Protein backbone atom coordinates (compact mmCIF):
# COMPACT_ATOMS: atom_id res chain seq x y z
CA MET A 1 18.53 -8.55 59.41
CA ILE A 2 17.24 -8.14 63.23
CA ASP A 3 15.76 -10.72 64.59
CA TRP A 4 11.87 -9.87 65.26
CA ASP A 5 11.80 -11.56 68.70
CA LYS A 6 15.10 -10.01 69.93
CA LEU A 7 13.07 -6.40 68.11
CA LYS A 8 9.72 -7.32 70.41
CA VAL A 9 12.13 -7.79 73.87
CA PHE A 10 14.12 -4.71 73.03
CA TYR A 11 11.29 -2.55 72.40
CA SER A 12 9.21 -4.74 75.94
CA VAL A 13 12.49 -3.48 78.21
CA VAL A 14 12.63 0.43 77.28
CA GLU A 15 8.44 0.87 77.98
CA SER A 16 9.16 -1.07 80.85
CA GLY A 17 11.77 0.35 82.27
CA SER A 18 13.39 -2.29 83.41
CA PHE A 19 14.11 -6.20 82.15
CA THR A 20 12.47 -7.41 85.08
CA ARG A 21 9.27 -5.72 83.97
CA ALA A 22 9.59 -6.76 80.61
CA ALA A 23 10.36 -10.43 81.54
CA ALA A 24 6.99 -10.13 83.24
CA ARG A 25 5.00 -8.89 80.33
CA LEU A 26 6.77 -11.64 77.98
CA GLN A 27 6.82 -14.22 80.69
CA ILE A 28 9.91 -14.92 79.94
CA GLY A 29 12.89 -15.19 82.75
CA GLN A 30 15.24 -12.08 83.06
CA SER A 31 18.15 -14.24 82.03
CA ALA A 32 16.28 -14.41 78.21
CA VAL A 33 15.95 -11.31 78.08
CA SER A 34 19.38 -10.16 79.06
CA ARG A 35 20.64 -12.73 75.98
CA HIS A 36 17.88 -11.30 73.84
CA ILE A 37 19.50 -8.12 74.20
CA GLY A 38 22.95 -8.33 74.38
CA ALA A 39 22.74 -10.59 71.42
CA LEU A 40 20.90 -7.97 69.50
CA GLU A 41 23.46 -5.09 70.74
CA ALA A 42 26.01 -7.49 68.98
CA ARG A 43 24.13 -7.92 66.04
CA VAL A 44 23.74 -3.97 65.87
CA GLY A 45 27.47 -3.85 66.88
CA SER A 46 26.80 -1.15 69.77
CA PRO A 47 25.30 -0.49 72.86
CA LEU A 48 21.57 0.03 73.11
CA PHE A 49 21.73 0.93 76.82
CA TYR A 50 22.46 2.73 79.65
CA ARG A 51 22.99 0.67 82.70
CA TYR A 52 22.75 2.37 86.32
CA THR A 53 21.96 1.03 89.14
CA ARG A 54 18.84 2.46 89.92
CA GLY A 55 17.47 1.82 85.88
CA LEU A 56 18.10 1.89 81.74
CA HIS A 57 18.97 5.01 79.87
CA LEU A 58 18.78 4.79 76.13
CA THR A 59 21.99 5.44 74.21
CA GLU A 60 21.75 7.55 70.99
CA GLN A 61 22.00 4.17 69.03
CA GLY A 62 19.44 2.93 71.13
CA GLU A 63 17.31 5.25 70.69
CA ILE A 64 17.57 5.15 66.46
CA LEU A 65 16.02 1.59 67.05
CA TYR A 66 13.24 2.28 69.60
CA ARG A 67 11.47 5.35 67.49
CA THR A 68 11.44 2.80 64.07
CA ALA A 69 10.11 0.04 66.39
CA ARG A 70 7.14 2.14 67.37
CA GLU A 71 6.77 2.74 63.46
CA ILE A 72 6.61 -1.08 62.91
CA PHE A 73 4.61 -2.17 65.83
CA SER A 74 2.23 0.75 65.24
CA ASP A 75 1.70 0.13 61.49
CA LEU A 76 0.96 -3.19 62.17
CA ALA A 77 -1.22 -2.19 64.67
CA THR A 78 -3.01 -0.58 61.85
CA VAL A 79 -3.40 -3.09 59.26
CA GLN A 80 -4.39 -5.77 62.42
CA ALA A 81 -7.20 -3.07 62.75
CA ARG A 82 -8.05 -3.05 58.91
CA ILE A 83 -8.42 -6.71 58.46
CA THR A 84 -10.53 -7.35 61.30
CA GLU A 85 -12.67 -4.43 59.68
CA GLN A 86 -13.30 -5.94 56.82
CA THR A 87 -13.24 -9.98 58.26
CA PRO A 88 -16.82 -10.58 58.27
CA ILE A 89 -16.47 -12.80 61.65
CA ALA A 90 -17.77 -11.29 64.59
CA GLN A 91 -15.14 -11.54 67.24
CA THR A 92 -15.66 -12.97 70.21
CA THR A 93 -12.52 -12.37 72.66
CA LEU A 94 -12.24 -9.63 74.26
CA SER A 95 -8.82 -9.00 76.33
CA ILE A 96 -8.58 -5.99 78.54
CA THR A 97 -6.30 -4.36 80.64
CA ALA A 98 -6.49 -2.38 84.08
CA SER A 99 -4.63 -1.74 87.06
CA ILE A 100 -5.08 -3.39 89.97
CA GLY A 101 -6.69 -0.80 91.97
CA PHE A 102 -8.97 0.60 89.48
CA GLY A 103 -9.69 -2.70 88.15
CA THR A 104 -10.68 -4.39 91.75
CA SER A 105 -12.76 -1.57 92.71
CA TRP A 106 -14.51 -0.18 89.49
CA PHE A 107 -14.73 -3.02 86.65
CA THR A 108 -14.66 -5.89 88.63
CA PRO A 109 -18.07 -5.47 89.64
CA ARG A 110 -19.13 -4.67 86.58
CA LEU A 111 -18.66 -7.61 84.97
CA SER A 112 -21.41 -9.63 85.43
CA LYS A 113 -23.42 -7.11 83.58
CA PHE A 114 -21.90 -6.64 80.96
CA LEU A 115 -20.82 -10.59 80.37
CA LYS A 116 -24.98 -10.63 80.18
CA ALA A 117 -24.72 -8.18 77.59
CA ASN A 118 -22.64 -10.52 75.86
CA PRO A 119 -22.95 -13.87 76.53
CA ASP A 120 -20.81 -14.97 73.66
CA LEU A 121 -17.82 -13.28 74.94
CA ARG A 122 -14.55 -14.64 75.69
CA LEU A 123 -13.17 -12.21 78.07
CA THR A 124 -9.67 -11.69 79.33
CA LEU A 125 -9.11 -9.29 82.21
CA ARG A 126 -5.00 -8.73 83.20
CA LEU A 127 -4.48 -6.77 85.83
CA SER A 128 -1.41 -4.77 86.41
CA ASP A 129 0.68 -1.58 87.29
CA ASP A 130 2.92 -2.05 84.38
CA PRO A 131 2.47 -0.23 81.30
CA VAL A 132 0.63 -1.87 79.22
CA ASP A 133 1.69 -1.55 75.10
CA LEU A 134 -1.68 -2.12 72.98
CA MET A 135 1.88 -1.35 70.07
CA ALA A 136 2.54 -4.93 70.75
CA HIS A 137 -1.05 -6.21 71.10
CA GLU A 138 -0.56 -7.00 74.84
CA SER A 139 -4.32 -6.13 75.31
CA ASP A 140 -7.43 -5.21 72.69
CA VAL A 141 -8.11 -2.69 75.48
CA ALA A 142 -6.82 -0.72 77.92
CA LEU A 143 -8.49 0.96 81.16
CA THR A 144 -5.53 3.56 81.66
CA MET A 145 -5.36 7.78 83.03
CA LEU A 146 -1.73 7.28 80.85
CA VAL A 147 -2.00 9.59 76.91
CA THR A 148 -0.38 8.62 74.42
CA ASP A 149 1.26 10.34 71.55
CA GLU A 150 0.30 7.39 69.39
CA THR A 151 -2.63 8.26 66.40
CA SER A 152 -3.82 5.15 65.81
CA LEU A 153 -5.00 5.05 69.38
CA VAL A 154 -8.48 5.20 70.07
CA TYR A 155 -8.97 7.37 72.94
CA ARG A 156 -12.76 7.83 74.93
CA LYS A 157 -12.74 9.30 78.20
CA LEU A 158 -15.20 6.54 80.95
CA LEU A 159 -15.13 8.67 84.02
CA ARG A 160 -13.59 11.64 86.15
CA SER A 161 -11.98 10.89 89.12
CA PRO A 162 -11.56 13.23 92.22
CA MET A 163 -8.50 13.61 93.76
CA ASN A 164 -8.29 14.14 97.49
CA LEU A 165 -5.56 14.32 100.37
CA TYR A 166 -5.59 12.30 103.49
CA SER A 167 -3.81 12.14 106.33
CA SER A 168 -3.80 9.18 109.72
CA PRO A 169 -4.98 11.25 112.77
CA GLN A 170 -1.99 10.36 114.52
CA TYR A 171 0.30 12.48 111.92
CA LEU A 172 -2.53 15.52 112.34
CA LEU A 173 -2.21 15.55 116.04
CA LYS A 174 1.65 16.40 115.78
CA ALA A 175 1.94 18.67 112.76
CA GLY A 176 -1.20 20.08 112.95
CA ILE A 177 -4.29 20.04 110.02
CA PRO A 178 -3.27 21.99 107.44
CA LEU A 179 -6.17 25.18 106.58
CA THR A 180 -4.35 26.40 103.60
CA LEU A 181 -2.47 25.16 99.92
CA LYS A 182 0.39 27.38 102.03
CA ASP A 183 0.13 25.60 105.05
CA LEU A 184 1.35 22.32 102.99
CA ASP A 185 5.08 23.99 103.28
CA HIS A 186 5.26 22.85 106.46
CA HIS A 187 4.07 19.24 106.08
CA ARG A 188 5.21 16.05 104.40
CA LEU A 189 3.81 14.63 101.55
CA ILE A 190 3.96 11.50 99.78
CA VAL A 191 4.11 11.23 95.83
CA PHE A 192 5.74 9.54 93.32
CA SER A 193 9.89 8.55 92.70
CA GLY A 194 10.50 7.74 89.09
CA LYS A 195 9.17 7.98 86.39
CA ASN A 196 8.17 4.48 85.93
CA MET A 197 6.29 4.67 89.30
CA VAL A 198 3.92 7.17 88.07
CA PRO A 199 0.11 5.56 87.15
CA PHE A 200 -1.35 8.59 85.59
CA GLU A 201 0.32 12.57 84.12
CA ASN A 202 0.91 14.92 86.96
CA ALA A 203 0.37 12.57 89.85
CA ASN A 204 2.38 14.72 91.93
CA TRP A 205 0.23 17.26 91.45
CA ILE A 206 -0.22 17.80 95.44
CA LEU A 207 3.51 19.31 95.08
CA THR A 208 2.81 22.44 92.74
CA CYS A 209 -1.05 22.76 93.61
CA GLY A 210 -2.05 27.05 94.20
CA THR A 211 1.81 27.63 93.83
CA PRO A 212 3.63 29.59 91.38
CA PRO A 213 4.86 27.46 87.77
CA GLY A 214 7.99 25.61 89.46
CA VAL A 215 7.49 26.16 92.78
CA PRO A 216 6.74 23.33 94.85
CA HIS A 217 4.69 23.50 97.76
CA VAL A 218 7.11 21.36 100.10
CA ARG A 219 10.14 21.69 101.79
CA ILE A 220 10.35 17.79 102.01
CA GLN A 221 8.84 14.50 100.79
CA LEU A 222 8.56 11.52 100.75
CA ALA A 223 8.80 9.46 97.98
CA PHE A 224 6.41 6.28 97.17
CA SER A 225 8.54 3.36 95.19
CA LYS A 226 7.98 -0.06 94.81
CA GLY A 227 5.87 -0.23 98.00
CA THR A 228 8.19 1.22 99.84
CA ILE A 229 8.13 5.17 101.84
CA PHE A 230 11.72 6.31 102.04
CA PHE A 231 11.90 9.82 103.86
CA PRO A 232 12.87 11.73 104.16
CA LEU A 233 14.02 10.81 100.55
CA LYS A 234 14.82 14.61 99.30
CA THR A 235 14.71 18.39 100.75
CA ILE A 236 13.56 20.65 98.28
CA ARG A 237 15.30 24.30 98.80
CA ARG A 238 13.60 27.26 97.96
């Protein structure tokens, strides 16, 4: 039988994309995460990850275990919701997760009014740019721009956020001001690199806005990864 704690660690590693992020989410050491995964692989008798310098990828056996784990956590969340609905005692605690930028600029200034309207509520606010897993009960509510296919989750549109392009005056003096979308072909654009760094769906919309499907705007892209800009990272040839 698979140990429950090890399964939870495995699920968190897959959802986080790395041992380091999983350790932070579970509030345990990275070495402990490695031991759990090693013991789990020994238990099932097969490697669960392909380990590369740039990240992790699931093996075929890992994919099977991950799909099963998702179903388990989804079922548990459904059961918990049903129990909560039938419990006559009102919930007095609430855990909310939001990204650091959105949480500090939009949500935090509204906390005072919210808490005044709910004086008996004990609120926990978690600000993090790492993905949150509601299925693993990391939070009750997530303020996020990501939409998953989890049928047990309930989504509500909160607001619309306009997307704009910005540049330093020094760069525009050297490269010129783009007046049309076609002009972006001659500029360097900062985009997100790697699926684990993308904060929401279609975050790199600037690469294809106004172009035929599948044809990128830029010839050279700068990649934003873990707080560092590398350039030129990749040249896109047409």
